[in-house]
């Protein structure tokens, strides 16, 4: 170890004793009353020492005010170098910054929000827009190929496929029909879902509404035999569909054919309500309420005739 290295690690005596100078500099840079006790000092080099003071400001737990002082060679006066607030070993730090594109989660978008997609997004690939019309925002659209390049590509294509002139004429005549059919089917899109995007979407849907979910494990049958399943088009119809049962937890969601719930259309058919038997006593018909007693009912005494002695003379 050299003598210069030894001197740099040994704090300079005059700089180490300049604690009051360092405290005054920290109090001038910080708010009043936030400078705490002197914590430690570190030798930064020859005649360069950094003093650390405790920071008492709320929200900066474990942070320290670092004041660096120095002096010139053979000088007796210590001068101020810099003052800065630095985190300590146990300082409370903010989490690492993450770009917004990585922080975005499903459901974060609201009305009016725009989510731009990158030009090289792996989930998308160029779609069909017609042979004579390149996709927008593509290299061919910005820099059209030269006439020589077009002829060279057509020549290589003809050599590889061994096309005949009659086939070329038929193909050229049908280009307009293919473009019109694609327009009618809604296929004229700049980009479509790539195989990678298709697989990632299938994995995401299978994880949310697939055979390994607790709901599917307890279901009496799978969605493949459910009448509420709406099939989808394309290659996804072999494994997925859309649930149309309003009482199902997956209503309106893309579900796996192996998924299932208790709302299966054929799991439990409700029986018809039973018809009650006729009553033994007629307790359904209305009872007649007599306002006046019936004379022959036995509840009204008979009136005396005129031959009965009424007790008069």
Foldseek 3Di string as FASTA:
>chain_A
DDPQVVQQFDADPLQVPVPVVQVVVQPVVDPPPQWAAWDDKGRRGHQKIWTWTHGNDPPWPQKTKIWIWGDDPPDNDIGTDDIDIGHHPPTDDDDDDDDPVVVDDPPPDDPPDDDDDDPVDPFKDFFDQAPVDAQPPDPCVVPPDDPVVVVVVVVVVCVVVVDDPVVVVVVVVCRVVVNVVCVVVVRNHGMDTDPVNVVVVVVVQCVVAHCPDPQLVPFPAFQLPAPQWAADDDPCSVFWTAGCDPPDPRHRHIHTRSGHHPVGRPRDDDDDDDDDDDDPDPPPDDDDDDPDDDPPPPPDDDDDDPVDDPPDD
